[in-house]
C-alpha cells in the first residue's frame, strides 16, 4: 500500500511539472491482484511510463497589449441656474415693540446637474438651508427689526465640491 501511495505521489508531481512546461503527460497504469483468497490483500504494482524522445521546449506566445478603459474623473456638479422668487410674503408684527418685519421668500432654481448630493441655500453669504438632490425650491423666513434686502445664491454639491449659482437680491419692506 505504501508503494502505491509513493508511486501515485511521484506521478502527481511529474504531471504537475508537465503542465507547467506545456508538455504532454506520460501515461502510467497500476494493477493490483490478490495472491490468495485466504490471505490478506497484498497489491502488486506494475507501472509503465513513456517519455517523449524530443526535448521539452516551452512555447511562448506574445499576447497583444491591452489598454484598460479610462476611469472617469469625478467632477463637481453643474451650478444651479435660473434662481428666482416664486413667492414673497412680507408682514409686520406690531404686537411687539420694536416691531418685527417677517419676510418669507420661496426661492426656486433649475437643477442642471446629475451628480449632486444636494443643494445648499445661502442668504447674505450664510448657509440657511440644505436640501436633497433633485430638489428645486425652498422657503426661507427671516424676522428682523428693520426692512432690508437679502442676497441669495444656491450651490449644488457632492464629495468633490460645490458649484455656485448667480446671486439674486430679494427685498421686502418700506
N, C-alpha and C. Protein backbone atom coordinates (compact mmCIF):
# COMPACT_ATOMS: atom_id res chain seq x y z
N UNK A 1 0.83 -1.18 0.00
CA UNK A 1 0.00 0.00 0.00
C UNK A 1 0.87 1.25 0.00
N UNK A 2 1.97 1.18 0.76
CA UNK A 2 2.89 2.32 0.83
C UNK A 2 3.50 2.61 -0.54
N UNK A 3 3.84 1.54 -1.27
CA UNK A 3 4.45 1.71 -2.60
C UNK A 3 3.45 2.36 -3.56
N UNK A 4 2.19 1.97 -3.47
CA UNK A 4 1.16 2.55 -4.34
C UNK A 4 1.02 4.04 -4.07
N UNK A 5 1.04 4.45 -2.81
CA UNK A 5 0.94 5.87 -2.45
C UNK A 5 2.13 6.65 -2.98
N UNK A 6 3.34 6.09 -2.81
CA UNK A 6 4.55 6.79 -3.28
C UNK A 6 4.52 6.93 -4.80
N UNK A 7 4.11 5.89 -5.50
CA UNK A 7 4.04 5.95 -6.96
C UNK A 7 3.00 6.98 -7.41
N UNK A 8 1.86 7.01 -6.72
CA UNK A 8 0.83 8.00 -7.06
C UNK A 8 1.35 9.41 -6.84
N UNK A 9 2.10 9.61 -5.76
CA UNK A 9 2.67 10.93 -5.46
C UNK A 9 3.69 11.32 -6.53
N UNK A 10 4.52 10.40 -6.94
CA UNK A 10 5.51 10.68 -7.99
C UNK A 10 4.80 11.03 -9.29
N UNK A 11 3.76 10.29 -9.64
CA UNK A 11 3.01 10.58 -10.88
C UNK A 11 2.36 11.96 -10.81
N UNK A 12 1.82 12.31 -9.65
CA UNK A 12 1.17 13.62 -9.50
C UNK A 12 2.18 14.75 -9.67
N UNK A 13 3.33 14.63 -9.00
CA UNK A 13 4.37 15.67 -9.10
C UNK A 13 4.86 15.76 -10.53
N UNK A 14 5.07 14.64 -11.19
CA UNK A 14 5.54 14.65 -12.58
C UNK A 14 4.51 15.27 -13.50
N UNK A 15 3.21 14.95 -13.27
CA UNK A 15 2.14 15.51 -14.09
C UNK A 15 2.08 17.02 -13.93
N UNK A 16 2.25 17.52 -12.71
CA UNK A 16 2.23 18.97 -12.48
C UNK A 16 3.39 19.64 -13.20
N UNK A 17 4.55 19.00 -13.17
CA UNK A 17 5.70 19.55 -13.88
C UNK A 17 5.45 19.59 -15.37
N UNK A 18 4.80 18.59 -15.92
CA UNK A 18 4.48 18.57 -17.35
C UNK A 18 3.51 19.69 -17.70
N UNK A 19 2.55 19.93 -16.85
CA UNK A 19 1.60 21.00 -17.12
C UNK A 19 2.29 22.35 -17.11
N UNK A 20 3.20 22.55 -16.18
CA UNK A 20 3.90 23.83 -16.09
C UNK A 20 4.78 24.06 -17.32
N UNK A 21 5.35 23.00 -17.85
CA UNK A 21 6.24 23.14 -19.01
C UNK A 21 5.49 23.03 -20.33
N UNK A 22 4.22 22.71 -20.30
CA UNK A 22 3.43 22.66 -21.51
C UNK A 22 3.65 21.39 -22.33
N UNK A 23 4.07 20.31 -21.73
CA UNK A 23 4.27 19.06 -22.46
C UNK A 23 3.14 18.09 -22.13
N UNK A 24 3.07 17.01 -22.90
CA UNK A 24 2.05 16.01 -22.61
C UNK A 24 2.52 15.14 -21.47
N UNK A 25 1.57 14.66 -20.71
CA UNK A 25 1.89 13.85 -19.55
C UNK A 25 2.08 12.40 -19.98
N UNK A 26 3.10 11.76 -19.47
CA UNK A 26 3.27 10.34 -19.80
C UNK A 26 2.15 9.51 -19.18
N UNK A 27 1.93 8.37 -19.75
CA UNK A 27 0.86 7.51 -19.24
C UNK A 27 1.44 6.53 -18.22
N UNK A 28 0.62 6.18 -17.25
CA UNK A 28 1.04 5.20 -16.24
C UNK A 28 -0.17 4.34 -15.91
N UNK A 29 0.07 3.07 -15.70
CA UNK A 29 -1.01 2.17 -15.31
C UNK A 29 -0.60 1.46 -14.04
N UNK A 30 -1.56 1.20 -13.21
CA UNK A 30 -1.29 0.46 -11.96
C UNK A 30 -2.29 -0.67 -11.88
N UNK A 31 -1.79 -1.85 -11.54
CA UNK A 31 -2.65 -3.02 -11.41
C UNK A 31 -2.37 -3.67 -10.07
N UNK A 32 -3.42 -4.18 -9.47
CA UNK A 32 -3.23 -4.92 -8.22
C UNK A 32 -4.02 -6.21 -8.31
N UNK A 33 -3.44 -7.26 -7.79
CA UNK A 33 -4.09 -8.58 -7.81
C UNK A 33 -3.87 -9.26 -6.47
N UNK A 34 -4.93 -9.88 -5.96
CA UNK A 34 -4.73 -10.64 -4.72
C UNK A 34 -3.89 -11.90 -4.98
N UNK A 35 -3.12 -12.32 -3.98
CA UNK A 35 -2.26 -13.50 -4.14
C UNK A 35 -3.00 -14.78 -3.80
N UNK A 36 -3.88 -14.76 -2.82
CA UNK A 36 -4.65 -15.94 -2.47
C UNK A 36 -5.91 -15.50 -1.75
N UNK A 37 -6.95 -16.29 -1.84
CA UNK A 37 -8.22 -15.88 -1.24
C UNK A 37 -8.20 -15.97 0.27
N UNK A 38 -7.34 -16.77 0.85
CA UNK A 38 -7.33 -16.88 2.30
C UNK A 38 -6.29 -15.98 2.96
N UNK A 39 -5.53 -15.26 2.19
CA UNK A 39 -4.53 -14.35 2.75
C UNK A 39 -5.01 -12.92 2.56
N UNK A 40 -4.51 -12.01 3.39
CA UNK A 40 -4.92 -10.60 3.22
C UNK A 40 -4.47 -10.07 1.86
N UNK A 41 -5.18 -9.05 1.42
CA UNK A 41 -4.91 -8.44 0.11
C UNK A 41 -3.55 -7.75 0.13
N UNK A 42 -2.69 -8.13 -0.81
CA UNK A 42 -1.37 -7.51 -0.96
C UNK A 42 -1.29 -7.06 -2.42
N UNK A 43 -1.27 -5.77 -2.66
CA UNK A 43 -1.25 -5.33 -4.05
C UNK A 43 0.12 -5.53 -4.68
N UNK A 44 0.09 -5.86 -5.94
CA UNK A 44 1.32 -5.85 -6.72
C UNK A 44 1.15 -4.72 -7.72
N UNK A 45 2.19 -4.07 -8.06
CA UNK A 45 2.09 -2.86 -8.84
C UNK A 45 2.94 -2.97 -10.08
N UNK A 46 2.33 -2.61 -11.20
CA UNK A 46 3.06 -2.56 -12.45
C UNK A 46 2.85 -1.16 -13.01
N UNK A 47 3.89 -0.48 -13.37
CA UNK A 47 3.77 0.87 -13.91
C UNK A 47 4.54 0.96 -15.20
N UNK A 48 3.94 1.65 -16.16
CA UNK A 48 4.60 1.89 -17.42
C UNK A 48 4.65 3.40 -17.64
N UNK A 49 5.83 3.92 -17.81
CA UNK A 49 6.00 5.36 -18.04
C UNK A 49 6.65 5.54 -19.39
N UNK A 50 6.06 6.38 -20.23
CA UNK A 50 6.59 6.63 -21.57
C UNK A 50 7.07 8.08 -21.61
N UNK A 51 8.31 8.27 -21.93
CA UNK A 51 8.87 9.60 -22.05
C UNK A 51 8.95 9.99 -23.52
N UNK A 52 8.78 11.25 -23.79
CA UNK A 52 8.88 11.76 -25.15
C UNK A 52 10.35 11.84 -25.52
N UNK A 53 10.72 11.36 -26.70
CA UNK A 53 12.13 11.40 -27.09
C UNK A 53 12.62 12.81 -27.46
N UNK A 54 11.68 13.72 -27.70
CA UNK A 54 12.11 15.07 -28.11
C UNK A 54 12.31 15.93 -26.87
N UNK A 55 13.27 16.83 -26.90
CA UNK A 55 13.48 17.69 -25.74
C UNK A 55 12.29 18.63 -25.53
N UNK A 56 12.11 18.97 -24.30
CA UNK A 56 10.99 19.85 -23.95
C UNK A 56 11.39 21.29 -24.26
N UNK A 57 10.55 21.96 -25.04
CA UNK A 57 10.79 23.38 -25.31
C UNK A 57 9.46 24.09 -25.14
N UNK A 58 9.33 24.87 -24.08
CA UNK A 58 8.06 25.56 -23.86
C UNK A 58 7.79 26.57 -24.97
N UNK A 59 6.53 26.64 -25.35
CA UNK A 59 6.12 27.56 -26.41
C UNK A 59 5.64 28.85 -25.74
N UNK A 60 6.28 29.94 -26.07
CA UNK A 60 5.89 31.24 -25.54
C UNK A 60 5.17 32.00 -26.63
N UNK A 61 4.04 32.54 -26.31
CA UNK A 61 3.33 33.35 -27.28
C UNK A 61 3.20 34.77 -26.74
N UNK A 62 3.20 35.71 -27.63
CA UNK A 62 3.08 37.10 -27.23
C UNK A 62 1.62 37.51 -27.34
N UNK A 63 1.07 37.99 -26.24
CA UNK A 63 -0.31 38.46 -26.23
C UNK A 63 -0.33 39.93 -26.65
N UNK A 64 -1.39 40.34 -27.32
CA UNK A 64 -1.46 41.76 -27.69
C UNK A 64 -1.62 42.62 -26.43
N UNK A 65 -1.07 43.81 -26.50
CA UNK A 65 -1.17 44.74 -25.37
C UNK A 65 -2.61 45.19 -25.22
N UNK A 66 -3.08 45.19 -24.00
CA UNK A 66 -4.46 45.61 -23.72
C UNK A 66 -4.41 46.91 -22.92
N UNK A 67 -5.10 47.91 -23.41
CA UNK A 67 -5.18 49.18 -22.69
C UNK A 67 -6.51 49.23 -21.97
N UNK A 68 -6.48 49.35 -20.63
CA UNK A 68 -7.75 49.40 -19.90
C UNK A 68 -8.49 50.69 -20.21
N UNK A 69 -9.82 50.65 -20.13
CA UNK A 69 -10.58 51.88 -20.39
C UNK A 69 -10.28 52.91 -19.31
N UNK A 70 -10.32 54.16 -19.70
CA UNK A 70 -10.02 55.21 -18.74
C UNK A 70 -11.16 55.33 -17.73
N UNK A 71 -10.78 55.62 -16.51
CA UNK A 71 -11.76 55.80 -15.44
C UNK A 71 -12.18 57.26 -15.44
N UNK A 72 -13.50 57.53 -15.47
CA UNK A 72 -13.93 58.93 -15.47
C UNK A 72 -13.49 59.63 -14.18
N UNK A 73 -13.02 60.85 -14.34
CA UNK A 73 -12.59 61.63 -13.20
C UNK A 73 -13.81 62.28 -12.57
N UNK A 74 -14.02 62.08 -11.27
CA UNK A 74 -15.18 62.71 -10.63
C UNK A 74 -15.08 64.24 -10.74
N UNK A 75 -16.23 64.86 -10.86
CA UNK A 75 -16.27 66.32 -11.03
C UNK A 75 -17.35 66.90 -10.13
N UNK A 76 -17.18 68.17 -9.77
CA UNK A 76 -18.26 68.81 -9.01
C UNK A 76 -19.50 68.94 -9.89
N UNK A 77 -20.67 69.05 -9.30
CA UNK A 77 -21.89 69.15 -10.10
C UNK A 77 -21.98 70.51 -10.81
N UNK A 78 -22.79 70.55 -11.84
CA UNK A 78 -23.03 71.81 -12.55
C UNK A 78 -23.81 72.75 -11.63
N UNK A 79 -23.57 74.03 -11.78
CA UNK A 79 -24.23 75.03 -10.94
C UNK A 79 -25.72 75.11 -11.25
N UNK A 80 -26.56 75.33 -10.24
CA UNK A 80 -27.98 75.55 -10.49
C UNK A 80 -28.16 76.82 -11.34
N UNK A 81 -29.23 76.86 -12.11
CA UNK A 81 -29.49 78.01 -12.99
C UNK A 81 -30.88 78.58 -12.69
N UNK A 82 -31.15 79.75 -13.22
CA UNK A 82 -32.47 80.40 -13.17
C UNK A 82 -32.98 80.58 -11.74
N UNK A 83 -32.10 81.06 -10.86
CA UNK A 83 -32.51 81.34 -9.49
C UNK A 83 -33.58 82.42 -9.52
N UNK A 84 -34.69 82.16 -8.87
CA UNK A 84 -35.79 83.12 -8.90
C UNK A 84 -36.65 83.05 -7.65
N UNK A 85 -37.61 83.95 -7.63
CA UNK A 85 -38.52 84.07 -6.49
C UNK A 85 -39.91 83.67 -6.95
N UNK A 86 -40.49 82.64 -6.33
CA UNK A 86 -41.82 82.17 -6.66
C UNK A 86 -42.86 82.89 -5.82
N UNK A 87 -42.52 83.12 -4.55
CA UNK A 87 -43.48 83.73 -3.63
C UNK A 87 -42.74 84.64 -2.67
N UNK A 88 -43.34 85.78 -2.40
CA UNK A 88 -42.80 86.72 -1.41
C UNK A 88 -43.97 87.10 -0.51
N UNK A 89 -43.80 86.93 0.79
CA UNK A 89 -44.83 87.30 1.75
C UNK A 89 -44.17 88.18 2.80
N UNK A 90 -44.55 89.44 2.83
CA UNK A 90 -43.93 90.40 3.73
C UNK A 90 -44.99 90.88 4.73
N UNK A 91 -44.75 90.65 6.00
CA UNK A 91 -45.69 91.08 7.04
C UNK A 91 -44.94 91.85 8.12
N UNK A 92 -45.72 92.61 8.90
CA UNK A 92 -45.16 93.36 10.01
C UNK A 92 -45.89 92.91 11.27
N UNK A 93 -45.11 92.49 12.26
CA UNK A 93 -45.67 92.08 13.54
C UNK A 93 -45.61 93.30 14.47
N UNK A 94 -46.77 93.93 14.68
CA UNK A 94 -46.84 95.14 15.51
C UNK A 94 -47.20 94.80 16.97
N UNK A 95 -47.31 93.51 17.28
CA UNK A 95 -47.70 93.14 18.64
C UNK A 95 -46.53 93.27 19.61
N UNK A 96 -45.35 93.43 19.09
CA UNK A 96 -44.16 93.58 19.94
C UNK A 96 -43.51 94.93 19.67
N UNK A 97 -42.78 95.41 20.61
CA UNK A 97 -42.04 96.66 20.43
C UNK A 97 -40.56 96.35 20.55
N UNK A 98 -39.70 96.78 19.71
CA UNK A 98 -40.00 97.38 18.42
C UNK A 98 -40.64 96.36 17.49
N UNK A 99 -41.28 96.86 16.45
CA UNK A 99 -42.00 95.99 15.52
C UNK A 99 -41.01 95.06 14.79
N UNK A 100 -41.51 93.90 14.35
CA UNK A 100 -40.70 92.89 13.66
C UNK A 100 -41.23 92.74 12.23
N UNK A 101 -40.31 92.79 11.28
CA UNK A 101 -40.64 92.53 9.88
C UNK A 101 -40.40 91.04 9.61
N UNK A 102 -41.44 90.36 9.18
CA UNK A 102 -41.35 88.93 8.88
C UNK A 102 -41.38 88.79 7.36
N UNK A 103 -40.29 88.29 6.82
CA UNK A 103 -40.13 88.17 5.37
C UNK A 103 -40.05 86.70 4.99
N UNK A 104 -40.95 86.28 4.12
CA UNK A 104 -40.97 84.89 3.65
C UNK A 104 -40.69 84.87 2.16
N UNK A 105 -39.62 84.18 1.78
CA UNK A 105 -39.23 84.07 0.37
C UNK A 105 -39.25 82.60 -0.04
N UNK A 106 -40.00 82.31 -1.09
CA UNK A 106 -39.94 80.95 -1.67
C UNK A 106 -39.08 81.05 -2.91
N UNK A 107 -37.89 80.44 -2.81
CA UNK A 107 -36.86 80.54 -3.85
C UNK A 107 -36.87 79.27 -4.68
N UNK A 108 -36.68 79.42 -5.97
CA UNK A 108 -36.65 78.27 -6.87
C UNK A 108 -35.42 78.36 -7.78
N UNK A 109 -35.03 77.23 -8.36
CA UNK A 109 -33.90 77.16 -9.28
C UNK A 109 -34.08 75.96 -10.19
N UNK A 110 -33.26 75.88 -11.21
CA UNK A 110 -33.27 74.74 -12.14
C UNK A 110 -32.05 73.87 -11.83
N UNK A 111 -32.30 72.59 -11.64
CA UNK A 111 -31.23 71.62 -11.38
C UNK A 111 -30.55 71.31 -12.70
N UNK A 112 -29.28 71.68 -12.83
CA UNK A 112 -28.54 71.49 -14.08
C UNK A 112 -27.56 70.32 -14.01
N UNK A 113 -27.53 69.59 -12.90
CA UNK A 113 -26.55 68.51 -12.75
C UNK A 113 -27.24 67.17 -12.53
N UNK A 114 -26.47 66.12 -12.72
CA UNK A 114 -26.99 64.77 -12.48
C UNK A 114 -26.12 64.01 -11.47
N UNK A 115 -25.20 64.74 -10.83
CA UNK A 115 -24.30 64.08 -9.89
C UNK A 115 -24.20 64.79 -8.54
N UNK A 116 -25.23 65.58 -8.21
CA UNK A 116 -25.19 66.28 -6.93
C UNK A 116 -25.65 65.38 -5.80
N UNK A 117 -25.14 65.67 -4.61
CA UNK A 117 -25.63 65.02 -3.39
C UNK A 117 -26.75 65.84 -2.77
N UNK A 118 -26.83 67.13 -3.14
CA UNK A 118 -27.86 68.01 -2.61
C UNK A 118 -27.56 69.45 -2.98
N UNK A 119 -28.36 70.36 -2.39
CA UNK A 119 -28.21 71.79 -2.64
C UNK A 119 -28.10 72.51 -1.31
N UNK A 120 -27.32 73.58 -1.32
CA UNK A 120 -27.19 74.45 -0.15
C UNK A 120 -27.67 75.84 -0.54
N UNK A 121 -28.44 76.45 0.35
CA UNK A 121 -29.01 77.77 0.09
C UNK A 121 -28.34 78.76 1.05
N UNK A 122 -27.83 79.84 0.49
CA UNK A 122 -27.12 80.85 1.27
C UNK A 122 -27.87 82.17 1.20
N UNK A 123 -27.98 82.84 2.37
CA UNK A 123 -28.53 84.19 2.44
C UNK A 123 -27.43 85.08 3.00
N UNK A 124 -27.11 86.13 2.27
CA UNK A 124 -26.05 87.07 2.68
C UNK A 124 -24.75 86.33 3.03
N UNK A 125 -24.45 85.28 2.30
CA UNK A 125 -23.21 84.52 2.49
C UNK A 125 -23.26 83.47 3.58
N UNK A 126 -24.37 83.36 4.31
CA UNK A 126 -24.50 82.38 5.39
C UNK A 126 -25.41 81.23 4.94
N UNK A 127 -25.02 80.02 5.26
CA UNK A 127 -25.84 78.84 4.95
C UNK A 127 -27.12 78.88 5.77
N UNK A 128 -28.28 78.84 5.08
CA UNK A 128 -29.56 78.87 5.79
C UNK A 128 -30.38 77.61 5.60
N UNK A 129 -30.05 76.81 4.58
CA UNK A 129 -30.81 75.58 4.34
C UNK A 129 -29.97 74.62 3.49
N UNK A 130 -30.29 73.34 3.63
CA UNK A 130 -29.69 72.30 2.80
C UNK A 130 -30.80 71.33 2.44
N UNK A 131 -30.93 71.03 1.14
CA UNK A 131 -31.99 70.13 0.67
C UNK A 131 -31.36 69.00 -0.13
N UNK A 132 -32.13 67.96 -0.35
CA UNK A 132 -31.64 66.76 -1.03
C UNK A 132 -31.45 66.98 -2.53
N UNK A 133 -30.80 66.01 -3.15
CA UNK A 133 -30.59 66.05 -4.60
C UNK A 133 -31.95 66.13 -5.31
N UNK A 134 -31.96 66.80 -6.44
CA UNK A 134 -33.13 66.97 -7.31
C UNK A 134 -34.20 67.90 -6.76
N UNK A 135 -34.01 68.49 -5.58
CA UNK A 135 -34.95 69.49 -5.07
C UNK A 135 -34.76 70.76 -5.89
N UNK A 136 -35.83 71.54 -6.05
CA UNK A 136 -35.72 72.76 -6.86
C UNK A 136 -36.34 73.98 -6.20
N UNK A 137 -36.66 73.90 -4.90
CA UNK A 137 -37.16 75.10 -4.22
C UNK A 137 -37.02 74.95 -2.71
N UNK A 138 -37.08 76.10 -2.03
CA UNK A 138 -37.01 76.14 -0.59
C UNK A 138 -37.68 77.42 -0.12
N UNK A 139 -38.22 77.42 1.08
CA UNK A 139 -38.82 78.62 1.67
C UNK A 139 -37.95 79.08 2.82
N UNK A 140 -37.59 80.35 2.79
CA UNK A 140 -36.77 80.95 3.85
C UNK A 140 -37.58 82.05 4.52
N UNK A 141 -37.69 81.99 5.85
CA UNK A 141 -38.41 83.01 6.62
C UNK A 141 -37.40 83.75 7.48
N UNK A 142 -37.43 85.09 7.35
CA UNK A 142 -36.49 85.94 8.07
C UNK A 142 -37.27 86.94 8.90
N UNK A 143 -36.94 87.04 10.18
CA UNK A 143 -37.57 88.05 11.06
C UNK A 143 -36.50 89.05 11.48
N UNK A 144 -36.75 90.33 11.18
CA UNK A 144 -35.79 91.39 11.51
C UNK A 144 -36.52 92.59 12.08
N UNK A 145 -35.76 93.45 12.68
CA UNK A 145 -36.35 94.67 13.24
C UNK A 145 -36.44 95.80 12.22
N UNK A 146 -35.78 95.64 11.12
CA UNK A 146 -35.84 96.68 10.09
C UNK A 146 -35.97 96.04 8.72
N UNK A 147 -36.66 96.69 7.80
CA UNK A 147 -36.78 96.14 6.45
C UNK A 147 -35.43 96.25 5.72
N UNK A 148 -35.15 95.27 4.91
CA UNK A 148 -33.90 95.30 4.15
C UNK A 148 -33.95 94.33 2.99
N UNK A 149 -32.92 94.32 2.20
CA UNK A 149 -32.77 93.42 1.06
C UNK A 149 -31.88 92.24 1.48
N UNK A 150 -32.07 91.10 0.80
CA UNK A 150 -31.30 89.90 1.11
C UNK A 150 -30.73 89.34 -0.19
N UNK A 151 -29.46 88.95 -0.12
CA UNK A 151 -28.79 88.34 -1.28
C UNK A 151 -28.81 86.82 -1.11
N UNK A 152 -29.28 86.13 -2.15
CA UNK A 152 -29.36 84.66 -2.11
C UNK A 152 -28.56 84.05 -3.25
N UNK A 153 -27.97 82.89 -2.97
CA UNK A 153 -27.44 82.04 -4.03
C UNK A 153 -27.59 80.59 -3.58
N UNK A 154 -27.55 79.68 -4.54
CA UNK A 154 -27.71 78.25 -4.28
C UNK A 154 -26.50 77.54 -4.86
N UNK A 155 -26.03 76.52 -4.15
CA UNK A 155 -24.94 75.70 -4.69
C UNK A 155 -25.40 74.25 -4.79
N UNK A 156 -24.94 73.58 -5.82
CA UNK A 156 -25.08 72.12 -5.92
C UNK A 156 -23.77 71.56 -5.37
N UNK A 157 -23.83 70.50 -4.59
CA UNK A 157 -22.60 69.96 -4.01
C UNK A 157 -22.56 68.44 -4.12
N UNK A 158 -21.33 67.92 -4.11
CA UNK A 158 -21.07 66.49 -3.97
C UNK A 158 -19.73 66.33 -3.25
N UNK A 159 -19.18 65.12 -3.22
CA UNK A 159 -17.94 64.90 -2.47
C UNK A 159 -16.74 65.62 -3.08
N UNK A 160 -16.85 66.08 -4.31
CA UNK A 160 -15.75 66.76 -4.99
C UNK A 160 -15.76 68.26 -4.71
N UNK A 161 -16.95 68.86 -4.63
CA UNK A 161 -17.00 70.30 -4.37
C UNK A 161 -18.39 70.88 -4.58
N UNK A 162 -18.45 72.22 -4.66
CA UNK A 162 -19.69 72.96 -4.83
C UNK A 162 -19.62 73.80 -6.09
N UNK A 163 -20.77 74.01 -6.72
CA UNK A 163 -20.89 74.90 -7.87
C UNK A 163 -21.98 75.91 -7.56
N UNK A 164 -21.63 77.18 -7.65
CA UNK A 164 -22.49 78.27 -7.19
C UNK A 164 -23.33 78.86 -8.33
N UNK A 165 -24.60 79.16 -8.00
CA UNK A 165 -25.48 79.85 -8.94
C UNK A 165 -25.17 81.35 -8.92
N UNK A 166 -25.83 82.08 -9.79
CA UNK A 166 -25.76 83.54 -9.72
C UNK A 166 -26.42 84.02 -8.43
N UNK A 167 -26.03 85.17 -7.97
CA UNK A 167 -26.63 85.75 -6.75
C UNK A 167 -27.80 86.63 -7.15
N UNK A 168 -28.90 86.51 -6.42
CA UNK A 168 -30.09 87.34 -6.64
C UNK A 168 -30.41 88.08 -5.35
N UNK A 169 -30.94 89.30 -5.50
CA UNK A 169 -31.30 90.10 -4.34
C UNK A 169 -32.83 90.19 -4.29
N UNK A 170 -33.40 89.87 -3.11
CA UNK A 170 -34.84 89.94 -2.89
C UNK A 170 -35.10 90.91 -1.74
N UNK A 171 -36.20 91.67 -1.88
CA UNK A 171 -36.48 92.72 -0.90
C UNK A 171 -37.91 92.64 -0.42
N UNK A 172 -38.10 92.95 0.87
CA UNK A 172 -39.40 93.17 1.48
C UNK A 172 -39.29 94.48 2.23
N UNK A 173 -40.37 95.15 2.41
CA UNK A 173 -40.29 96.30 3.30
C UNK A 173 -40.85 97.57 2.69
N UNK A 174 -40.50 98.63 3.32
CA UNK A 174 -40.91 100.00 3.09
C UNK A 174 -42.16 100.16 2.34
